[in-house]
Structure formats: structure tokens, C-alpha cells
C-alpha atoms as a PDB file:
ATOM      1  CA  MET A   1      -3.270  17.020  39.192  1.00  0.00           C
ATOM      2  CA  ALA A   2      -2.534  17.410  35.478  1.00  0.00           C
ATOM      3  CA  PRO A   3      -5.535  17.797  33.185  1.00  0.00           C
ATOM      4  CA  LYS A   4      -6.426  14.804  31.037  1.00  0.00           C
ATOM      5  CA  THR A   5      -5.286  14.899  27.434  1.00  0.00           C
ATOM      6  CA  LYS A   6      -8.298  15.677  25.299  1.00  0.00           C
ATOM      7  CA  PHE A   7      -7.009  13.768  22.294  1.00  0.00           C
ATOM      8  CA  THR A   8      -5.618  10.265  22.161  1.00  0.00           C
ATOM      9  CA  LYS A   9      -2.562   9.300  20.177  1.00  0.00           C
ATOM     10  CA  GLN A  10      -4.894   7.590  17.676  1.00  0.00           C
ATOM     11  CA  ASP A  11      -6.999  10.774  17.315  1.00  0.00           C
ATOM     12  CA  ILE A  12      -3.836  12.703  16.453  1.00  0.00           C
ATOM     13  CA  ILE A  13      -2.670  10.073  13.939  1.00  0.00           C
ATOM     14  CA  LEU A  14      -6.068  10.052  12.232  1.00  0.00           C
ATOM     15  CA  ALA A  15      -6.098  13.856  11.992  1.00  0.00           C
ATOM     16  CA  ALA A  16      -2.614  13.801  10.446  1.00  0.00           C
ATOM     17  CA  PHE A  17      -3.692  10.963   8.127  1.00  0.00           C
ATOM     18  CA  ASP A  18      -6.605  13.124   6.923  1.00  0.00           C
ATOM     19  CA  ILE A  19      -4.154  15.907   6.110  1.00  0.00           C
ATOM     20  CA  ALA A  20      -1.925  13.467   4.214  1.00  0.00           C
ATOM     21  CA  LYS A  21      -4.901  12.143   2.221  1.00  0.00           C
ATOM     22  CA  THR A  22      -5.827  15.555   0.896  1.00  0.00           C
ATOM     23  CA  ASP A  23      -2.633  17.641   1.008  1.00  0.00           C
ATOM     24  CA  GLY A  24       0.193  15.094   1.092  1.00  0.00           C
ATOM     25  CA  ILE A  25       2.575  13.806   3.721  1.00  0.00           C
ATOM     26  CA  GLU A  26       4.864  16.832   3.467  1.00  0.00           C
ATOM     27  CA  SER A  27       1.926  19.013   4.524  1.00  0.00           C
ATOM     28  CA  ILE A  28       1.779  17.437   7.968  1.00  0.00           C
ATOM     29  CA  THR A  29       2.914  19.898  10.598  1.00  0.00           C
ATOM     30  CA  ILE A  30       2.226  19.948  14.321  1.00  0.00           C
ATOM     31  CA  ARG A  31       0.323  23.215  13.898  1.00  0.00           C
ATOM     32  CA  LYS A  32      -1.880  21.910  11.077  1.00  0.00           C
ATOM     33  CA  VAL A  33      -2.742  18.792  13.036  1.00  0.00           C
ATOM     34  CA  ALA A  34      -3.615  20.914  16.072  1.00  0.00           C
ATOM     35  CA  GLN A  35      -5.842  23.087  13.878  1.00  0.00           C
ATOM     36  CA  ARG A  36      -7.524  19.996  12.443  1.00  0.00           C
ATOM     37  CA  LEU A  37      -8.208  18.795  15.992  1.00  0.00           C
ATOM     38  CA  GLY A  38      -9.270  22.226  17.197  1.00  0.00           C
ATOM     39  CA  SER A  39      -6.677  22.161  19.949  1.00  0.00           C
ATOM     40  CA  SER A  40      -3.358  23.605  20.965  1.00  0.00           C
ATOM     41  CA  ILE A  41      -0.128  21.875  19.984  1.00  0.00           C
ATOM     42  CA  ALA A  42       0.343  20.545  23.544  1.00  0.00           C
ATOM     43  CA  PRO A  43      -1.542  17.223  23.126  1.00  0.00           C
ATOM     44  CA  ILE A  44       0.512  16.453  20.043  1.00  0.00           C
ATOM     45  CA  TYR A  45       3.827  17.048  21.786  1.00  0.00           C
ATOM     46  CA  VAL A  46       2.634  14.923  24.706  1.00  0.00           C
ATOM     47  CA  ASN A  47       2.331  11.983  22.306  1.00  0.00           C
ATOM     48  CA  PHE A  48       5.032  12.685  19.684  1.00  0.00           C
ATOM     49  CA  SER A  49       8.499  14.153  19.949  1.00  0.00           C
ATOM     50  CA  ASP A  50       8.266  15.904  16.574  1.00  0.00           C
ATOM     51  CA  ALA A  51       6.456  15.987  13.221  1.00  0.00           C
ATOM     52  CA  GLU A  52       8.720  13.271  11.764  1.00  0.00           C
ATOM     53  CA  GLU A  53       7.660  10.786  14.438  1.00  0.00           C
ATOM     54  CA  LEU A  54       4.019  11.623  13.705  1.00  0.00           C
ATOM     55  CA  ILE A  55       4.618  11.169   9.970  1.00  0.00           C
ATOM     56  CA  GLN A  56       6.087   7.717  10.637  1.00  0.00           C
ATOM     57  CA  HIS A  57       2.852   6.803  12.408  1.00  0.00           C
ATOM     58  CA  VAL A  58       0.825   8.162   9.481  1.00  0.00           C
ATOM     59  CA  VAL A  59       2.805   5.970   7.089  1.00  0.00           C
ATOM     60  CA  PHE A  60       2.203   2.999   9.382  1.00  0.00           C
ATOM     61  CA  ARG A  61      -1.528   3.866   9.307  1.00  0.00           C
ATOM     62  CA  ALA A  62      -1.382   3.866   5.489  1.00  0.00           C
ATOM     63  CA  PHE A  63       0.094   0.340   5.627  1.00  0.00           C
ATOM     64  CA  GLU A  64      -2.733  -0.693   7.961  1.00  0.00           C
ATOM     65  CA  VAL A  65      -5.294   0.695   5.506  1.00  0.00           C
ATOM     66  CA  ALA A  66      -3.620  -1.229   2.670  1.00  0.00           C
ATOM     67  CA  LYS A  67      -3.768  -4.457   4.700  1.00  0.00           C
ATOM     68  CA  GLU A  68      -7.437  -3.806   5.493  1.00  0.00           C
ATOM     69  CA  LEU A  69      -8.116  -3.395   1.770  1.00  0.00           C
ATOM     70  CA  ILE A  70      -6.399  -6.730   1.073  1.00  0.00           C
ATOM     71  CA  THR A  71      -8.477  -8.445   3.767  1.00  0.00           C
ATOM     72  CA  GLU A  72     -11.700  -6.986   2.336  1.00  0.00           C
ATOM     73  CA  GLN A  73     -11.108  -8.578  -1.077  1.00  0.00           C
ATOM     74  CA  GLN A  74     -11.684 -12.183   0.026  1.00  0.00           C
ATOM     75  CA  SER A  75     -11.586 -13.647  -3.501  1.00  0.00           C
ATOM     76  CA  GLY A  76      -9.834 -16.802  -2.337  1.00  0.00           C
ATOM     77  CA  GLN A  77      -6.832 -15.747  -4.429  1.00  0.00           C
ATOM     78  CA  PRO A  78      -4.469 -13.791  -2.164  1.00  0.00           C
ATOM     79  CA  PHE A  79      -2.205 -12.772  -5.048  1.00  0.00           C
ATOM     80  CA  ARG A  80      -5.202 -11.214  -6.840  1.00  0.00           C
ATOM     81  CA  ASP A  81      -6.422  -9.621  -3.605  1.00  0.00           C
ATOM     82  CA  ILE A  82      -3.078  -7.839  -3.142  1.00  0.00           C
ATOM     83  CA  GLY A  83      -3.315  -6.368  -6.655  1.00  0.00           C
ATOM     84  CA  MET A  84      -6.924  -5.267  -6.269  1.00  0.00           C
ATOM     85  CA  ALA A  85      -6.186  -3.684  -2.895  1.00  0.00           C
ATOM     86  CA  SER A  86      -3.313  -1.724  -4.462  1.00  0.00           C
ATOM     87  CA  LEU A  87      -5.625  -0.433  -7.173  1.00  0.00           C
ATOM     88  CA  ARG A  88      -8.252   0.543  -4.603  1.00  0.00           C
ATOM     89  CA  PHE A  89      -5.642   2.362  -2.501  1.00  0.00           C
ATOM     90  CA  ALA A  90      -4.424   4.328  -5.544  1.00  0.00           C
ATOM     91  CA  LYS A  91      -7.996   5.189  -6.499  1.00  0.00           C
ATOM     92  CA  GLU A  92      -9.266   6.079  -3.013  1.00  0.00           C
ATOM     93  CA  TYR A  93      -6.111   7.815  -1.741  1.00  0.00           C
ATOM     94  CA  PRO A  94      -4.430   9.253  -4.869  1.00  0.00           C
ATOM     95  CA  VAL A  95      -2.494  12.046  -3.101  1.00  0.00           C
ATOM     96  CA  LEU A  96      -1.197   9.685  -0.438  1.00  0.00           C
ATOM     97  CA  TYR A  97      -0.417   7.023  -3.049  1.00  0.00           C
ATOM     98  CA  ARG A  98       1.639   9.509  -5.064  1.00  0.00           C
ATOM     99  CA  ASP A  99       3.526  10.589  -1.945  1.00  0.00           C
ATOM    100  CA  LEU A 100       4.295   7.033  -0.898  1.00  0.00           C
ATOM    101  CA  MET A 101       5.011   5.460  -4.264  1.00  0.00           C
ATOM    102  CA  MET A 102       6.211   8.202  -6.585  1.00  0.00           C
ATOM    103  CA  LYS A 103       8.559  10.107  -4.324  1.00  0.00           C
ATOM    104  CA  ASN A 104      11.845   8.828  -3.048  1.00  0.00           C
ATOM    105  CA  ASN A 105      11.254   8.581   0.640  1.00  0.00           C
ATOM    106  CA  PRO A 106      12.599   6.423   3.452  1.00  0.00           C
ATOM    107  CA  HIS A 107       9.141   5.130   4.357  1.00  0.00           C
ATOM    108  CA  MET A 108       8.688   2.864   1.340  1.00  0.00           C
ATOM    109  CA  LYS A 109      11.808   0.739   1.318  1.00  0.00           C
ATOM    110  CA  ASN A 110      10.685  -2.905   1.326  1.00  0.00           C
ATOM    111  CA  THR A 111      12.241  -4.911   4.102  1.00  0.00           C
ATOM    112  CA  PRO A 112      12.938  -8.636   3.751  1.00  0.00           C
ATOM    113  CA  GLU A 113      10.280  -9.206   6.429  1.00  0.00           C
ATOM    114  CA  GLN A 114       7.639  -7.367   4.389  1.00  0.00           C
ATOM    115  CA  VAL A 115       8.528  -9.350   1.266  1.00  0.00           C
ATOM    116  CA  GLN A 116       8.317 -12.617   3.219  1.00  0.00           C
ATOM    117  CA  GLU A 117       4.931 -11.592   4.631  1.00  0.00           C
ATOM    118  CA  VAL A 118       3.560 -11.118   1.108  1.00  0.00           C
ATOM    119  CA  VAL A 119       5.218 -14.332  -0.133  1.00  0.00           C
ATOM    120  CA  GLY A 120       3.518 -16.100   2.791  1.00  0.00           C
ATOM    121  CA  MET A 121       0.168 -14.771   1.561  1.00  0.00           C
ATOM    122  CA  MET A 122       1.004 -15.867  -1.979  1.00  0.00           C
ATOM    123  CA  LYS A 123       1.706 -19.420  -0.747  1.00  0.00           C
ATOM    124  CA  GLN A 124      -1.952 -19.644   0.267  1.00  0.00           C
ATOM    125  CA  ASP A 125      -3.006 -19.055  -3.346  1.00  0.00           C
ATOM    126  CA  PRO A 126      -3.842 -22.369  -5.078  1.00  0.00           C
ATOM    127  CA  GLN A 127      -2.872 -20.841  -8.428  1.00  0.00           C
ATOM    128  CA  LEU A 128       0.692 -20.455  -7.146  1.00  0.00           C
ATOM    129  CA  ALA A 129       1.107 -23.956  -5.727  1.00  0.00           C
ATOM    130  CA  GLY A 130       4.460 -25.557  -6.414  1.00  0.00           C
ATOM    131  CA  PHE A 131       6.523 -22.399  -6.728  1.00  0.00           C
ATOM    132  CA  SER A 132       9.589 -21.967  -4.520  1.00  0.00           C
ATOM    133  CA  ASN A 133      10.124 -18.878  -2.339  1.00  0.00           C
ATOM    134  CA  GLU A 134      12.594 -17.541  -4.904  1.00  0.00           C
ATOM    135  CA  GLU A 135      10.108 -18.029  -7.756  1.00  0.00           C
ATOM    136  CA  LEU A 136       7.319 -16.385  -5.746  1.00  0.00           C
ATOM    137  CA  GLN A 137       9.591 -13.418  -5.010  1.00  0.00           C
ATOM    138  CA  SER A 138      10.315 -13.106  -8.729  1.00  0.00           C
ATOM    139  CA  LEU A 139       6.581 -13.200  -9.540  1.00  0.00           C
ATOM    140  CA  LEU A 140       5.931 -10.644  -6.821  1.00  0.00           C
ATOM    141  CA  LEU A 141       8.527  -8.243  -8.200  1.00  0.00           C
ATOM    142  CA  LYS A 142       7.145  -8.518 -11.741  1.00  0.00           C
ATOM    143  CA  MET A 143       3.586  -7.970 -10.565  1.00  0.00           C
ATOM    144  CA  GLN A 144       4.676  -5.060  -8.358  1.00  0.00           C
ATOM    145  CA  ILE A 145       6.246  -3.400 -11.366  1.00  0.00           C
ATOM    146  CA  PHE A 146       3.126  -3.895 -13.494  1.00  0.00           C
ATOM    147  CA  GLN A 147       0.702  -3.014 -10.708  1.00  0.00           C
ATOM    148  CA  THR A 148       2.674   0.093  -9.709  1.00  0.00           C
ATOM    149  CA  GLY A 149       2.523   1.341 -13.285  1.00  0.00           C
ATOM    150  CA  LEU A 150      -1.212   0.705 -13.421  1.00  0.00           C
ATOM    151  CA  CYS A 151      -1.744   2.395 -10.044  1.00  0.00           C
ATOM    152  CA  VAL A 152       0.380   5.409 -11.019  1.00  0.00           C
ATOM    153  CA  MET A 153      -1.755   5.824 -14.129  1.00  0.00           C
ATOM    154  CA  LEU A 154      -4.894   5.550 -12.000  1.00  0.00           C
ATOM    155  CA  ALA A 155      -3.716   7.914  -9.239  1.00  0.00           C
ATOM    156  CA  ASN A 156      -2.696  10.510 -11.829  1.00  0.00           C
ATOM    157  CA  ASP A 157      -5.732  10.051 -14.092  1.00  0.00           C
ATOM    158  CA  LEU A 158      -3.504   9.184 -17.074  1.00  0.00           C
ATOM    159  CA  PHE A 159      -5.855   6.845 -18.922  1.00  0.00           C
ATOM    160  CA  THR A 160      -6.971   8.155 -22.303  1.00  0.00           C
ATOM    161  CA  GLU A 161     -10.402   6.648 -21.815  1.00  0.00           C
ATOM    162  CA  SER A 162     -12.542   5.947 -18.815  1.00  0.00           C
ATOM    163  CA  ILE A 163     -11.473   2.721 -17.135  1.00  0.00           C
ATOM    164  CA  ASN A 164     -13.593   1.060 -14.501  1.00  0.00           C
ATOM    165  CA  ASP A 165     -12.642  -1.330 -11.718  1.00  0.00           C
ATOM    166  CA  ASP A 166     -13.600  -4.396 -13.775  1.00  0.00           C
ATOM    167  CA  LYS A 167     -11.319  -3.369 -16.658  1.00  0.00           C
ATOM    168  CA  MET A 168      -8.436  -2.661 -14.282  1.00  0.00           C
ATOM    169  CA  MET A 169      -8.884  -6.057 -12.641  1.00  0.00           C
ATOM    170  CA  GLU A 170      -9.028  -7.683 -16.069  1.00  0.00           C
ATOM    171  CA  LEU A 171      -5.694  -6.068 -16.957  1.00  0.00           C
ATOM    172  CA  MET A 172      -4.216  -7.177 -13.633  1.00  0.00           C
ATOM    173  CA  ASP A 173      -5.536 -10.730 -14.033  1.00  0.00           C
ATOM    174  CA  GLU A 174      -4.159 -11.030 -17.569  1.00  0.00           C
ATOM    175  CA  ALA A 175      -0.732  -9.800 -16.488  1.00  0.00           C
ATOM    176  CA  ALA A 176      -0.696 -12.216 -13.531  1.00  0.00           C
ATOM    177  CA  GLU A 177      -1.702 -15.120 -15.781  1.00  0.00           C
ATOM    178  CA  ASP A 178       1.036 -14.190 -18.244  1.00  0.00           C
ATOM    179  CA  PHE A 179       3.700 -13.944 -15.530  1.00  0.00           C
ATOM    180  CA  ILE A 180       2.605 -17.221 -13.900  1.00  0.00           C
ATOM    181  CA  SER A 181       2.465 -19.070 -17.241  1.00  0.00           C
ATOM    182  CA  ALA A 182       5.896 -17.762 -18.214  1.00  0.00           C
ATOM    183  CA  MET A 183       7.305 -18.868 -14.838  1.00  0.00           C
ATOM    184  CA  ARG A 184       5.812 -22.357 -15.247  1.00  0.00           C
ATOM    185  CA  LEU A 185       7.266 -22.606 -18.781  1.00  0.00           C
ATOM    186  CA  ARG A 186      10.657 -21.486 -17.520  1.00  0.00           C
ATOM    187  CA  ILE A 187      10.569 -24.126 -14.773  1.00  0.00           C
ATOM    188  CA  THR A 188       9.454 -26.833 -17.224  1.00  0.00           C
ATOM    189  CA  GLY A 189      12.285 -25.858 -19.567  1.00  0.00           C
ATOM    190  CA  LYS A 190      14.795 -26.166 -16.723  1.00  0.00           C
ATOM    191  CA  ASP A 191      13.417 -29.581 -15.771  1.00  0.00           C
ATOM    192  CA  GLU A 192      13.891 -30.852 -19.331  1.00  0.00           C
ATOM    193  CA  GLU A 193      17.549 -29.804 -19.492  1.00  0.00           C
END
């Protein structure tokens, strides 16, 4: 009878995720994960064919963490919650954020399904009532550009003065209000033509 695996697939993913948080995704190797677990490499190869497969699971875990952060916000404004969760992720996981957002990698290409999932969340936001899918996608892209810049500055400690969570959220809220107002004006202008 074969001995039971000491570590579950989830244990291995979490150990690799810990490495990614502190040292970056490129630092994940089968050997380092085994060392982190205090085991041989055997349990890892039982669950994953290679380091790349494990890295894909780590990236998926990062997406799960991001979704958890969105769910924790609970402001009643899903669009705002998405922005705040992004800021929290950049602040709490700066090395991982830089790896995922600032490096060209195959893990961060938005799929149409992911965009539609976020647009679906945006539709629940009373502030965004009346916008079409196309208009919501345009708002999303503009906010992603702004929010990514803000998060990059946060993850890389690029602010010239200390900036707290309230100030960051104020900046995010003002940008969202500006983008939403501009979209409404654009729509009103089209209606009058």
C-alpha cells in the first residue's frame, strides 16, 4: 500500500503562494516549495506535472484573494468595491502585484468572460444604472487605467508624501465620479443630436 501524501494540493499551492508574495512568481520552484513545506519534492510532483502548472494555480489563488477582497468591501457600490479591493491587493501584496500587473505575462490577459463578470457586478451598482454593456466596459477600462496607475504607485511606494487608505479612496471616488459624469454628458449629447 502506498503511503498517504503528507501534503494536500491546497497546502502546496499555499506554500507556493507564500513564496510568490515575498519573492515573486518567478521564484517559485519545486525545490523551494518542498523546502517551504519541509518535505521532499515527491508530494509536489504527485499533484503537479511541473512548476508552470503550480504557478498557474498560484495565479488562480491570487485571483481568488482579489475576489475575496472585493467581497469584504460591502459598500453597496460594487464599482467602488472593485477599486478599493485593487488598492488593498497592491498594498498587502506589493511583490505579487508587481509580478502580475507590471510584467508582461500570460497570466494577466483579460478574457471576455472576466470582463463580463466585472460588468455584471457593475450592473448591480445603482450609480451606474442606465448604462449599456458597451458604456460599462468603457467606464471599466478607464477606471482600470486610473486604478492601475494608482496601485502601481502604491505597490512601488512612489508617493512623495504619505498617503493613507482614505486619501486613496478619495482619489478613486473622484476619478470614478468624473468618468461617470463625462459618460452621462456624452450620452446626453448624443441624445440631443
